[in-house]
N, C-alpha and C. Protein backbone atom coordinates (compact mmCIF):
# COMPACT_ATOMS: atom_id res chain seq x y z
N MET A 1 0.85 -1.19 0.00
CA MET A 1 0.00 0.00 0.00
C MET A 1 0.89 1.25 0.00
N THR A 2 0.69 2.10 -0.98
CA THR A 2 1.43 3.36 -1.01
C THR A 2 0.67 4.39 -0.19
N ASP A 3 1.36 5.01 0.77
CA ASP A 3 0.67 5.94 1.66
C ASP A 3 1.53 7.16 1.98
N ASP A 4 2.43 7.52 1.08
CA ASP A 4 3.31 8.65 1.35
C ASP A 4 2.55 9.98 1.38
N ARG A 5 1.38 10.03 0.77
CA ARG A 5 0.60 11.28 0.78
C ARG A 5 -0.48 11.28 1.84
N PHE A 6 -0.72 10.15 2.48
CA PHE A 6 -1.87 10.00 3.36
C PHE A 6 -1.85 11.04 4.48
N GLY A 7 -2.92 11.82 4.55
CA GLY A 7 -3.09 12.78 5.63
C GLY A 7 -2.28 14.05 5.51
N ARG A 8 -1.46 14.18 4.49
CA ARG A 8 -0.60 15.36 4.37
C ARG A 8 -1.33 16.50 3.67
N CYS A 9 -1.08 17.69 4.15
CA CYS A 9 -1.69 18.86 3.53
C CYS A 9 -1.10 19.06 2.14
N PRO A 10 -1.92 19.15 1.10
CA PRO A 10 -1.39 19.34 -0.26
C PRO A 10 -0.85 20.73 -0.53
N ASP A 11 -1.14 21.69 0.33
CA ASP A 11 -0.65 23.06 0.18
C ASP A 11 0.49 23.26 1.17
N ARG A 12 1.68 23.54 0.68
CA ARG A 12 2.86 23.60 1.54
C ARG A 12 3.04 24.94 2.24
N ARG A 13 2.18 25.93 1.98
CA ARG A 13 2.32 27.23 2.64
C ARG A 13 2.04 27.08 4.14
N PRO A 14 2.81 27.79 4.98
CA PRO A 14 2.64 27.65 6.43
C PRO A 14 1.21 27.93 6.90
N GLU A 15 0.55 28.93 6.33
CA GLU A 15 -0.81 29.26 6.74
C GLU A 15 -1.77 28.10 6.43
N ALA A 16 -1.57 27.48 5.27
CA ALA A 16 -2.41 26.33 4.90
C ALA A 16 -2.12 25.15 5.82
N GLN A 17 -0.85 24.92 6.13
CA GLN A 17 -0.48 23.83 7.03
C GLN A 17 -1.14 24.00 8.40
N ALA A 18 -1.19 25.24 8.88
CA ALA A 18 -1.75 25.49 10.21
C ALA A 18 -3.23 25.16 10.28
N ILE A 19 -4.01 25.63 9.29
CA ILE A 19 -5.45 25.36 9.32
C ILE A 19 -5.72 23.88 9.05
N TRP A 20 -4.87 23.25 8.24
CA TRP A 20 -5.00 21.82 7.97
C TRP A 20 -4.82 21.01 9.25
N GLU A 21 -3.78 21.32 10.02
CA GLU A 21 -3.54 20.61 11.26
C GLU A 21 -4.67 20.84 12.26
N GLU A 22 -5.23 22.05 12.25
CA GLU A 22 -6.37 22.33 13.12
C GLU A 22 -7.57 21.47 12.73
N MET A 23 -7.82 21.34 11.42
CA MET A 23 -8.92 20.52 10.94
C MET A 23 -8.71 19.05 11.33
N LYS A 24 -7.51 18.56 11.18
CA LYS A 24 -7.23 17.15 11.44
C LYS A 24 -7.20 16.84 12.94
N SER A 25 -7.05 17.84 13.78
CA SER A 25 -6.87 17.62 15.22
C SER A 25 -8.16 17.23 15.92
N GLY A 26 -9.31 17.49 15.31
CA GLY A 26 -10.58 17.27 15.97
C GLY A 26 -11.10 18.49 16.71
N ARG A 27 -10.31 19.56 16.74
CA ARG A 27 -10.76 20.81 17.37
C ARG A 27 -11.62 21.60 16.38
N PRO A 28 -12.48 22.50 16.87
CA PRO A 28 -13.26 23.34 15.96
C PRO A 28 -12.35 24.20 15.07
N TYR A 29 -12.75 24.37 13.84
CA TYR A 29 -11.98 25.16 12.88
C TYR A 29 -12.94 25.87 11.93
N ASP A 30 -12.41 26.81 11.17
CA ASP A 30 -13.20 27.59 10.21
C ASP A 30 -13.21 26.86 8.87
N ALA A 31 -14.32 26.21 8.55
CA ALA A 31 -14.41 25.44 7.31
C ALA A 31 -14.44 26.32 6.07
N ALA A 32 -14.66 27.62 6.24
CA ALA A 32 -14.67 28.53 5.10
C ALA A 32 -13.31 29.19 4.88
N ASP A 33 -12.28 28.76 5.61
CA ASP A 33 -10.95 29.32 5.42
C ASP A 33 -10.54 29.21 3.96
N ARG A 34 -9.93 30.25 3.43
CA ARG A 34 -9.66 30.30 1.98
C ARG A 34 -8.67 29.25 1.54
N TYR A 35 -7.74 28.86 2.43
CA TYR A 35 -6.79 27.82 2.05
C TYR A 35 -7.51 26.48 1.90
N LEU A 36 -8.46 26.20 2.79
CA LEU A 36 -9.22 24.96 2.68
C LEU A 36 -10.12 24.97 1.45
N THR A 37 -10.77 26.08 1.19
CA THR A 37 -11.65 26.13 0.01
C THR A 37 -10.86 26.01 -1.28
N ASP A 38 -9.63 26.54 -1.31
CA ASP A 38 -8.78 26.36 -2.48
C ASP A 38 -8.43 24.88 -2.69
N MET A 39 -8.12 24.19 -1.58
CA MET A 39 -7.78 22.77 -1.70
C MET A 39 -9.00 21.95 -2.11
N LEU A 40 -10.17 22.29 -1.58
CA LEU A 40 -11.40 21.61 -1.98
C LEU A 40 -11.64 21.74 -3.48
N MET A 41 -11.43 22.95 -4.00
CA MET A 41 -11.65 23.16 -5.43
C MET A 41 -10.68 22.35 -6.27
N ALA A 42 -9.42 22.28 -5.83
CA ALA A 42 -8.43 21.50 -6.58
C ALA A 42 -8.82 20.02 -6.65
N VAL A 43 -9.38 19.49 -5.56
CA VAL A 43 -9.80 18.09 -5.54
C VAL A 43 -11.04 17.89 -6.40
N ARG A 44 -11.91 18.87 -6.46
CA ARG A 44 -13.08 18.74 -7.34
C ARG A 44 -12.66 18.64 -8.80
N VAL A 45 -11.59 19.32 -9.16
CA VAL A 45 -11.05 19.19 -10.51
C VAL A 45 -10.56 17.76 -10.74
N LYS A 46 -9.88 17.19 -9.74
CA LYS A 46 -9.39 15.82 -9.87
C LYS A 46 -10.52 14.80 -9.96
N THR A 47 -11.56 14.98 -9.12
CA THR A 47 -12.67 14.03 -9.18
C THR A 47 -13.45 14.19 -10.49
N ARG A 48 -13.54 15.41 -11.00
CA ARG A 48 -14.17 15.61 -12.31
C ARG A 48 -13.39 14.85 -13.39
N ARG A 49 -12.06 14.89 -13.30
CA ARG A 49 -11.23 14.18 -14.27
C ARG A 49 -11.48 12.68 -14.19
N PHE A 50 -11.55 12.15 -12.95
CA PHE A 50 -11.82 10.73 -12.79
C PHE A 50 -13.20 10.37 -13.31
N ASN A 51 -14.21 11.13 -12.93
CA ASN A 51 -15.58 10.80 -13.31
C ASN A 51 -15.84 10.96 -14.80
N ASP A 52 -15.03 11.79 -15.46
CA ASP A 52 -15.19 11.99 -16.90
C ASP A 52 -14.38 11.02 -17.74
N CYS A 53 -13.56 10.16 -17.11
CA CYS A 53 -12.80 9.16 -17.86
C CYS A 53 -13.74 8.20 -18.57
N ARG A 54 -13.30 7.72 -19.72
CA ARG A 54 -14.06 6.66 -20.38
C ARG A 54 -14.06 5.42 -19.49
N PRO A 55 -15.21 4.78 -19.32
CA PRO A 55 -15.25 3.59 -18.46
C PRO A 55 -14.35 2.46 -18.92
N ASP A 56 -14.01 2.41 -20.21
CA ASP A 56 -13.13 1.35 -20.70
C ASP A 56 -11.65 1.74 -20.66
N ASP A 57 -11.34 2.93 -20.17
CA ASP A 57 -9.95 3.36 -20.04
C ASP A 57 -9.46 3.00 -18.64
N ARG A 58 -9.15 1.73 -18.44
CA ARG A 58 -8.81 1.25 -17.12
C ARG A 58 -7.53 1.88 -16.58
N ALA A 59 -6.56 2.09 -17.47
CA ALA A 59 -5.31 2.72 -17.03
C ALA A 59 -5.55 4.16 -16.60
N GLY A 60 -6.37 4.88 -17.37
CA GLY A 60 -6.67 6.27 -17.03
C GLY A 60 -7.45 6.38 -15.74
N LEU A 61 -8.42 5.49 -15.55
CA LEU A 61 -9.20 5.48 -14.31
C LEU A 61 -8.31 5.18 -13.10
N ASP A 62 -7.43 4.19 -13.25
CA ASP A 62 -6.57 3.81 -12.14
C ASP A 62 -5.63 4.96 -11.77
N ALA A 63 -5.05 5.61 -12.77
CA ALA A 63 -4.15 6.73 -12.50
C ALA A 63 -4.89 7.89 -11.85
N ALA A 64 -6.11 8.16 -12.32
CA ALA A 64 -6.88 9.29 -11.81
C ALA A 64 -7.31 9.08 -10.36
N ILE A 65 -7.72 7.86 -9.99
CA ILE A 65 -8.15 7.64 -8.61
C ILE A 65 -6.95 7.63 -7.67
N ARG A 66 -5.81 7.13 -8.14
CA ARG A 66 -4.60 7.14 -7.31
C ARG A 66 -4.09 8.57 -7.10
N ASP A 67 -4.39 9.46 -8.02
CA ASP A 67 -4.01 10.86 -7.86
C ASP A 67 -4.86 11.55 -6.80
N ILE A 68 -6.01 10.97 -6.48
CA ILE A 68 -6.92 11.55 -5.49
C ILE A 68 -6.64 11.00 -4.10
N LEU A 69 -6.52 9.68 -3.97
CA LEU A 69 -6.43 9.04 -2.66
C LEU A 69 -5.08 9.28 -2.00
N GLY A 70 -5.09 9.27 -0.66
CA GLY A 70 -3.85 9.41 0.08
C GLY A 70 -3.03 8.15 0.11
N GLY A 71 -3.64 7.00 -0.07
CA GLY A 71 -2.93 5.73 -0.09
C GLY A 71 -3.87 4.62 -0.50
N CYS A 72 -3.35 3.62 -1.20
CA CYS A 72 -4.20 2.51 -1.65
C CYS A 72 -3.34 1.31 -1.99
N GLY A 73 -3.99 0.15 -2.03
CA GLY A 73 -3.33 -1.07 -2.43
C GLY A 73 -3.09 -1.11 -3.93
N GLU A 74 -2.47 -2.21 -4.36
CA GLU A 74 -2.19 -2.38 -5.79
C GLU A 74 -3.45 -2.72 -6.57
N ARG A 75 -4.39 -3.41 -5.95
CA ARG A 75 -5.59 -3.87 -6.64
C ARG A 75 -6.81 -3.17 -6.06
N ILE A 76 -7.29 -2.17 -6.77
CA ILE A 76 -8.49 -1.45 -6.33
C ILE A 76 -9.38 -1.18 -7.53
N GLN A 77 -10.68 -1.06 -7.29
CA GLN A 77 -11.62 -0.65 -8.32
C GLN A 77 -12.66 0.27 -7.70
N VAL A 78 -12.79 1.45 -8.28
CA VAL A 78 -13.79 2.42 -7.84
C VAL A 78 -14.65 2.76 -9.05
N ASN A 79 -15.93 2.42 -8.98
CA ASN A 79 -16.83 2.72 -10.08
C ASN A 79 -17.22 4.20 -10.07
N GLN A 80 -17.33 4.76 -11.25
CA GLN A 80 -17.78 6.15 -11.37
C GLN A 80 -19.28 6.24 -11.12
N PRO A 81 -19.76 7.38 -10.55
CA PRO A 81 -18.98 8.51 -10.06
C PRO A 81 -18.51 8.31 -8.62
N PHE A 82 -17.46 9.04 -8.29
CA PHE A 82 -16.89 9.05 -6.95
C PHE A 82 -16.71 10.50 -6.53
N ARG A 83 -16.98 10.79 -5.25
CA ARG A 83 -16.82 12.17 -4.76
C ARG A 83 -16.16 12.14 -3.38
N CYS A 84 -15.33 13.14 -3.14
CA CYS A 84 -14.71 13.29 -1.83
C CYS A 84 -14.36 14.76 -1.64
N ASP A 85 -13.91 15.09 -0.43
CA ASP A 85 -13.51 16.47 -0.15
C ASP A 85 -12.03 16.71 -0.41
N TYR A 86 -11.15 15.99 0.29
CA TYR A 86 -9.72 16.25 0.16
C TYR A 86 -8.95 15.08 -0.45
N GLY A 87 -9.47 13.88 -0.33
CA GLY A 87 -8.84 12.73 -0.98
C GLY A 87 -7.65 12.18 -0.24
N VAL A 88 -6.70 13.04 0.13
CA VAL A 88 -5.47 12.56 0.77
C VAL A 88 -5.72 12.02 2.17
N ASN A 89 -6.88 12.28 2.73
CA ASN A 89 -7.23 11.74 4.04
C ASN A 89 -7.91 10.37 3.95
N ILE A 90 -7.91 9.78 2.75
CA ILE A 90 -8.53 8.47 2.53
C ILE A 90 -7.43 7.46 2.20
N ARG A 91 -7.43 6.35 2.92
CA ARG A 91 -6.49 5.26 2.63
C ARG A 91 -7.28 3.96 2.57
N VAL A 92 -7.11 3.20 1.50
CA VAL A 92 -7.81 1.93 1.33
C VAL A 92 -6.78 0.83 1.08
N GLY A 93 -7.15 -0.39 1.44
CA GLY A 93 -6.23 -1.52 1.35
C GLY A 93 -6.30 -2.25 0.02
N GLU A 94 -5.78 -3.48 0.03
CA GLU A 94 -5.79 -4.32 -1.16
C GLU A 94 -7.19 -4.83 -1.46
N ASP A 95 -7.43 -5.06 -2.75
CA ASP A 95 -8.70 -5.64 -3.21
C ASP A 95 -9.89 -4.84 -2.71
N PHE A 96 -9.77 -3.53 -2.86
CA PHE A 96 -10.85 -2.61 -2.49
C PHE A 96 -11.78 -2.45 -3.67
N PHE A 97 -13.08 -2.57 -3.41
CA PHE A 97 -14.08 -2.35 -4.46
C PHE A 97 -15.15 -1.40 -3.95
N ALA A 98 -15.42 -0.35 -4.70
CA ALA A 98 -16.50 0.59 -4.39
C ALA A 98 -17.41 0.70 -5.59
N ASN A 99 -18.69 0.46 -5.37
CA ASN A 99 -19.66 0.57 -6.44
C ASN A 99 -20.04 2.04 -6.69
N PHE A 100 -21.00 2.26 -7.56
CA PHE A 100 -21.34 3.61 -8.02
C PHE A 100 -21.68 4.56 -6.88
N ASN A 101 -21.19 5.80 -7.01
CA ASN A 101 -21.64 6.92 -6.19
C ASN A 101 -21.20 6.84 -4.72
N LEU A 102 -19.95 6.42 -4.51
CA LEU A 102 -19.36 6.52 -3.17
C LEU A 102 -19.02 7.98 -2.88
N THR A 103 -19.46 8.47 -1.72
CA THR A 103 -19.15 9.84 -1.28
C THR A 103 -18.43 9.77 0.05
N VAL A 104 -17.25 10.42 0.12
CA VAL A 104 -16.45 10.43 1.35
C VAL A 104 -16.11 11.87 1.69
N LEU A 105 -16.64 12.34 2.81
CA LEU A 105 -16.28 13.69 3.30
C LEU A 105 -15.14 13.50 4.29
N ASP A 106 -13.93 13.65 3.79
CA ASP A 106 -12.74 13.25 4.54
C ASP A 106 -12.00 14.43 5.17
N GLU A 107 -12.74 15.24 5.94
CA GLU A 107 -12.06 16.24 6.75
C GLU A 107 -11.19 15.55 7.81
N GLY A 108 -11.67 14.48 8.36
CA GLY A 108 -10.87 13.59 9.20
C GLY A 108 -10.39 12.42 8.36
N GLU A 109 -9.53 11.60 8.95
CA GLU A 109 -8.99 10.47 8.20
C GLU A 109 -10.02 9.35 8.08
N VAL A 110 -10.01 8.69 6.91
CA VAL A 110 -10.84 7.53 6.64
C VAL A 110 -9.90 6.40 6.24
N VAL A 111 -9.86 5.35 7.05
CA VAL A 111 -8.97 4.21 6.80
C VAL A 111 -9.84 2.98 6.59
N ILE A 112 -9.65 2.31 5.45
CA ILE A 112 -10.42 1.13 5.09
C ILE A 112 -9.43 0.00 4.81
N GLY A 113 -9.66 -1.16 5.40
CA GLY A 113 -8.72 -2.27 5.30
C GLY A 113 -8.81 -3.03 3.99
N ASP A 114 -8.23 -4.23 3.99
CA ASP A 114 -8.19 -5.08 2.80
C ASP A 114 -9.54 -5.76 2.57
N ASN A 115 -9.79 -6.08 1.30
CA ASN A 115 -10.97 -6.85 0.91
C ASN A 115 -12.27 -6.19 1.34
N ALA A 116 -12.32 -4.87 1.20
CA ALA A 116 -13.56 -4.15 1.49
C ALA A 116 -14.44 -4.14 0.25
N PHE A 117 -15.73 -4.32 0.47
CA PHE A 117 -16.72 -4.34 -0.61
C PHE A 117 -17.77 -3.29 -0.26
N ILE A 118 -17.81 -2.22 -1.04
CA ILE A 118 -18.67 -1.07 -0.75
C ILE A 118 -19.79 -1.03 -1.79
N GLY A 119 -21.05 -1.12 -1.33
CA GLY A 119 -22.18 -1.09 -2.24
C GLY A 119 -22.43 0.29 -2.82
N PRO A 120 -23.41 0.42 -3.72
CA PRO A 120 -23.70 1.71 -4.34
C PRO A 120 -24.32 2.70 -3.36
N ASN A 121 -24.06 3.98 -3.64
CA ASN A 121 -24.69 5.08 -2.89
C ASN A 121 -24.33 5.09 -1.41
N VAL A 122 -23.12 4.66 -1.09
CA VAL A 122 -22.64 4.70 0.29
C VAL A 122 -22.02 6.07 0.57
N SER A 123 -22.26 6.58 1.78
CA SER A 123 -21.70 7.86 2.20
C SER A 123 -20.94 7.68 3.51
N ILE A 124 -19.73 8.23 3.56
CA ILE A 124 -18.90 8.19 4.76
C ILE A 124 -18.58 9.63 5.15
N TYR A 125 -18.95 10.01 6.37
CA TYR A 125 -18.79 11.40 6.82
C TYR A 125 -17.82 11.47 7.99
N THR A 126 -16.94 12.45 7.96
CA THR A 126 -16.09 12.74 9.13
C THR A 126 -16.31 14.16 9.64
N ALA A 127 -17.03 14.99 8.91
CA ALA A 127 -17.24 16.39 9.29
C ALA A 127 -18.42 16.51 10.25
N CYS A 128 -18.23 17.28 11.32
CA CYS A 128 -19.27 17.51 12.33
C CYS A 128 -19.62 19.00 12.36
N HIS A 129 -20.89 19.28 12.65
CA HIS A 129 -21.38 20.66 12.69
C HIS A 129 -22.06 20.94 14.02
N PRO A 130 -21.98 22.18 14.51
CA PRO A 130 -22.61 22.52 15.80
C PRO A 130 -24.13 22.44 15.73
N LEU A 131 -24.74 22.14 16.87
CA LEU A 131 -26.20 22.21 16.96
C LEU A 131 -26.68 23.65 16.98
N GLU A 132 -25.88 24.56 17.56
CA GLU A 132 -26.29 25.95 17.68
C GLU A 132 -26.21 26.64 16.32
N PRO A 133 -27.32 27.24 15.85
CA PRO A 133 -27.31 27.83 14.51
C PRO A 133 -26.31 28.96 14.34
N GLU A 134 -26.06 29.73 15.41
CA GLU A 134 -25.13 30.85 15.25
C GLU A 134 -23.73 30.33 14.90
N GLU A 135 -23.26 29.31 15.62
CA GLU A 135 -21.95 28.75 15.31
C GLU A 135 -21.95 28.06 13.95
N ARG A 136 -23.00 27.33 13.67
CA ARG A 136 -23.08 26.63 12.39
C ARG A 136 -23.04 27.62 11.23
N ASN A 137 -23.71 28.76 11.37
CA ASN A 137 -23.73 29.76 10.32
C ASN A 137 -22.37 30.44 10.14
N ARG A 138 -21.49 30.33 11.15
CA ARG A 138 -20.13 30.87 11.04
C ARG A 138 -19.18 29.84 10.43
N CYS A 139 -19.72 28.72 9.94
CA CYS A 139 -18.93 27.67 9.29
C CYS A 139 -17.96 26.99 10.24
N VAL A 140 -18.35 26.91 11.52
CA VAL A 140 -17.55 26.16 12.48
C VAL A 140 -17.78 24.66 12.23
N GLU A 141 -16.69 23.90 12.16
CA GLU A 141 -16.75 22.46 12.01
C GLU A 141 -15.67 21.82 12.87
N TRP A 142 -15.77 20.51 13.04
CA TRP A 142 -14.67 19.72 13.56
C TRP A 142 -14.77 18.34 12.91
N SER A 143 -13.73 17.55 13.02
CA SER A 143 -13.72 16.26 12.33
C SER A 143 -13.47 15.12 13.30
N MET A 144 -13.98 13.95 12.93
CA MET A 144 -13.76 12.71 13.69
C MET A 144 -13.49 11.60 12.67
N PRO A 145 -12.44 10.82 12.86
CA PRO A 145 -12.06 9.82 11.86
C PRO A 145 -13.02 8.64 11.79
N VAL A 146 -12.97 7.95 10.66
CA VAL A 146 -13.72 6.71 10.46
C VAL A 146 -12.74 5.61 10.11
N VAL A 147 -12.90 4.45 10.74
CA VAL A 147 -12.05 3.29 10.48
C VAL A 147 -12.95 2.10 10.13
N ILE A 148 -12.63 1.45 9.02
CA ILE A 148 -13.35 0.25 8.58
C ILE A 148 -12.31 -0.86 8.41
N GLY A 149 -12.55 -2.01 9.02
CA GLY A 149 -11.56 -3.07 9.07
C GLY A 149 -11.44 -3.88 7.78
N ASN A 150 -10.81 -5.04 7.90
CA ASN A 150 -10.61 -5.96 6.78
C ASN A 150 -11.87 -6.81 6.57
N ASN A 151 -12.09 -7.20 5.32
CA ASN A 151 -13.15 -8.14 4.97
C ASN A 151 -14.53 -7.62 5.38
N VAL A 152 -14.78 -6.37 5.10
CA VAL A 152 -16.06 -5.75 5.47
C VAL A 152 -16.89 -5.52 4.22
N TRP A 153 -18.16 -5.85 4.31
CA TRP A 153 -19.12 -5.58 3.24
C TRP A 153 -20.09 -4.53 3.74
N ILE A 154 -20.11 -3.40 3.04
CA ILE A 154 -21.02 -2.30 3.35
C ILE A 154 -22.12 -2.31 2.30
N GLY A 155 -23.36 -2.57 2.69
CA GLY A 155 -24.46 -2.65 1.74
C GLY A 155 -24.81 -1.32 1.12
N GLY A 156 -25.63 -1.37 0.08
CA GLY A 156 -26.03 -0.17 -0.64
C GLY A 156 -26.74 0.85 0.23
N SER A 157 -26.47 2.13 -0.06
CA SER A 157 -27.14 3.27 0.59
C SER A 157 -26.90 3.33 2.09
N VAL A 158 -25.77 2.80 2.56
CA VAL A 158 -25.39 2.92 3.97
C VAL A 158 -24.76 4.28 4.20
N THR A 159 -25.05 4.88 5.35
CA THR A 159 -24.41 6.12 5.79
C THR A 159 -23.60 5.83 7.05
N ILE A 160 -22.32 6.20 7.02
CA ILE A 160 -21.42 5.99 8.16
C ILE A 160 -21.06 7.35 8.71
N LEU A 161 -21.39 7.59 9.98
CA LEU A 161 -21.24 8.90 10.59
C LEU A 161 -19.86 9.09 11.23
N PRO A 162 -19.50 10.34 11.55
CA PRO A 162 -18.17 10.63 12.08
C PRO A 162 -17.84 9.86 13.36
N GLY A 163 -16.58 9.44 13.46
CA GLY A 163 -16.08 8.81 14.67
C GLY A 163 -16.33 7.33 14.78
N VAL A 164 -16.92 6.71 13.77
CA VAL A 164 -17.30 5.29 13.83
C VAL A 164 -16.12 4.40 13.47
N THR A 165 -16.00 3.28 14.18
CA THR A 165 -15.10 2.19 13.81
C THR A 165 -15.92 0.94 13.56
N ILE A 166 -15.71 0.33 12.39
CA ILE A 166 -16.35 -0.94 12.05
C ILE A 166 -15.24 -1.99 12.03
N GLY A 167 -15.39 -3.02 12.84
CA GLY A 167 -14.34 -4.02 12.98
C GLY A 167 -14.21 -4.93 11.77
N ASP A 168 -13.24 -5.85 11.83
CA ASP A 168 -13.01 -6.81 10.76
C ASP A 168 -14.20 -7.75 10.59
N ASN A 169 -14.35 -8.25 9.36
CA ASN A 169 -15.29 -9.33 9.07
C ASN A 169 -16.73 -8.97 9.41
N CYS A 170 -17.12 -7.73 9.10
CA CYS A 170 -18.49 -7.28 9.37
C CYS A 170 -19.29 -7.16 8.09
N VAL A 171 -20.60 -7.28 8.23
CA VAL A 171 -21.55 -6.99 7.15
C VAL A 171 -22.52 -5.94 7.68
N ILE A 172 -22.65 -4.84 6.93
CA ILE A 172 -23.57 -3.76 7.30
C ILE A 172 -24.71 -3.76 6.29
N GLY A 173 -25.94 -4.00 6.77
CA GLY A 173 -27.09 -4.14 5.89
C GLY A 173 -27.43 -2.87 5.13
N ALA A 174 -28.00 -3.06 3.96
CA ALA A 174 -28.35 -1.94 3.08
C ALA A 174 -29.26 -0.95 3.80
N GLY A 175 -28.99 0.33 3.56
CA GLY A 175 -29.82 1.40 4.10
C GLY A 175 -29.54 1.75 5.55
N SER A 176 -28.55 1.12 6.17
CA SER A 176 -28.26 1.38 7.58
C SER A 176 -27.61 2.75 7.77
N VAL A 177 -27.81 3.31 8.96
CA VAL A 177 -27.12 4.53 9.40
C VAL A 177 -26.26 4.13 10.58
N VAL A 178 -24.93 4.12 10.37
CA VAL A 178 -24.00 3.62 11.38
C VAL A 178 -23.54 4.81 12.21
N ALA A 179 -24.04 4.89 13.44
CA ALA A 179 -23.76 6.02 14.32
C ALA A 179 -22.87 5.64 15.49
N ARG A 180 -22.57 4.35 15.66
CA ARG A 180 -21.73 3.90 16.76
C ARG A 180 -20.86 2.75 16.27
N ASP A 181 -19.83 2.41 17.04
CA ASP A 181 -18.90 1.36 16.65
C ASP A 181 -19.61 0.01 16.50
N ILE A 182 -19.12 -0.78 15.53
CA ILE A 182 -19.62 -2.12 15.30
C ILE A 182 -18.48 -3.10 15.55
N PRO A 183 -18.63 -4.06 16.48
CA PRO A 183 -17.53 -4.97 16.78
C PRO A 183 -17.26 -5.96 15.65
N SER A 184 -16.04 -6.46 15.61
CA SER A 184 -15.65 -7.41 14.58
C SER A 184 -16.57 -8.62 14.55
N GLY A 185 -16.73 -9.18 13.35
CA GLY A 185 -17.50 -10.41 13.20
C GLY A 185 -18.99 -10.25 13.39
N SER A 186 -19.52 -9.07 13.04
CA SER A 186 -20.94 -8.79 13.27
C SER A 186 -21.70 -8.57 11.97
N VAL A 187 -22.98 -8.95 11.99
CA VAL A 187 -23.94 -8.48 11.01
C VAL A 187 -24.78 -7.41 11.70
N ALA A 188 -24.82 -6.22 11.12
CA ALA A 188 -25.51 -5.09 11.75
C ALA A 188 -26.38 -4.39 10.72
N VAL A 189 -27.58 -4.00 11.16
CA VAL A 189 -28.53 -3.37 10.23
C VAL A 189 -29.33 -2.31 10.98
N GLY A 190 -29.96 -1.42 10.22
CA GLY A 190 -30.97 -0.53 10.78
C GLY A 190 -30.52 0.91 10.94
N ASN A 191 -31.47 1.71 11.40
CA ASN A 191 -31.26 3.13 11.69
C ASN A 191 -31.85 3.43 13.07
N PRO A 192 -30.98 3.55 14.10
CA PRO A 192 -29.52 3.41 14.03
C PRO A 192 -29.11 1.96 13.86
N CYS A 193 -27.93 1.77 13.27
CA CYS A 193 -27.43 0.43 12.97
C CYS A 193 -27.12 -0.31 14.26
N ARG A 194 -27.64 -1.55 14.37
CA ARG A 194 -27.42 -2.38 15.56
C ARG A 194 -26.99 -3.78 15.13
N VAL A 195 -26.19 -4.41 15.97
CA VAL A 195 -25.76 -5.79 15.71
C VAL A 195 -26.96 -6.72 15.87
N VAL A 196 -27.19 -7.56 14.86
CA VAL A 196 -28.30 -8.51 14.93
C VAL A 196 -27.81 -9.95 15.08
N LYS A 197 -26.55 -10.21 14.73
CA LYS A 197 -26.00 -11.54 14.93
C LYS A 197 -24.49 -11.49 14.81
N ALA A 198 -23.84 -12.48 15.41
CA ALA A 198 -22.40 -12.66 15.24
C ALA A 198 -22.16 -13.69 14.15
N LEU A 199 -21.22 -13.40 13.26
CA LEU A 199 -20.91 -14.32 12.19
C LEU A 199 -20.14 -15.52 12.73
N THR A 200 -20.48 -16.72 12.24
CA THR A 200 -19.72 -17.91 12.57
C THR A 200 -18.67 -18.15 11.50
N ARG A 201 -17.70 -18.99 11.77
CA ARG A 201 -16.66 -19.30 10.78
C ARG A 201 -17.28 -19.90 9.53
N GLN A 202 -18.30 -20.76 9.68
CA GLN A 202 -18.92 -21.39 8.51
C GLN A 202 -19.56 -20.33 7.61
N GLU A 203 -20.17 -19.32 8.21
CA GLU A 203 -20.81 -18.29 7.40
C GLU A 203 -19.78 -17.39 6.72
């Protein structure tokens, strides 16, 4: 897995580095900061390039998605369209597959292990907003990381909220909203997502 870019601020200016570290720290920060909005726009150009690739141009697709992600295994497939905020805060393992319309808001780090299978229309969020409208209107945010283990299947239209860890060998049922940690070896479904059974070795 190449991860030399993972989590690093793409803008080397000291002012950009400072606000980036504040965003990654989990402390409140100004999401409308001009350095962050510049970086967001640059990534939108990259995701546009990926999403506009011909579906049969496998080399072009592979190069374009690797230019977005902070780290990934040698064998990955991401179906178009794909959307994210910064890209470099996302690291995926070997044999990663994401179906159509994966959205990752990666203000915090998103780490996904090997052999992950992501269904269509899945959303992963790390950005948090205040309940108080005055602070929210000032673009105050903070981030919480998401971790997904090895051998995890995320069903279609699942939403994974900030700060969640999903353990190894889990299945998350379609349409679930994952708001709390899911232990390894679990089948979990619902809104909010709850464990309904433990997987056996035979299963």
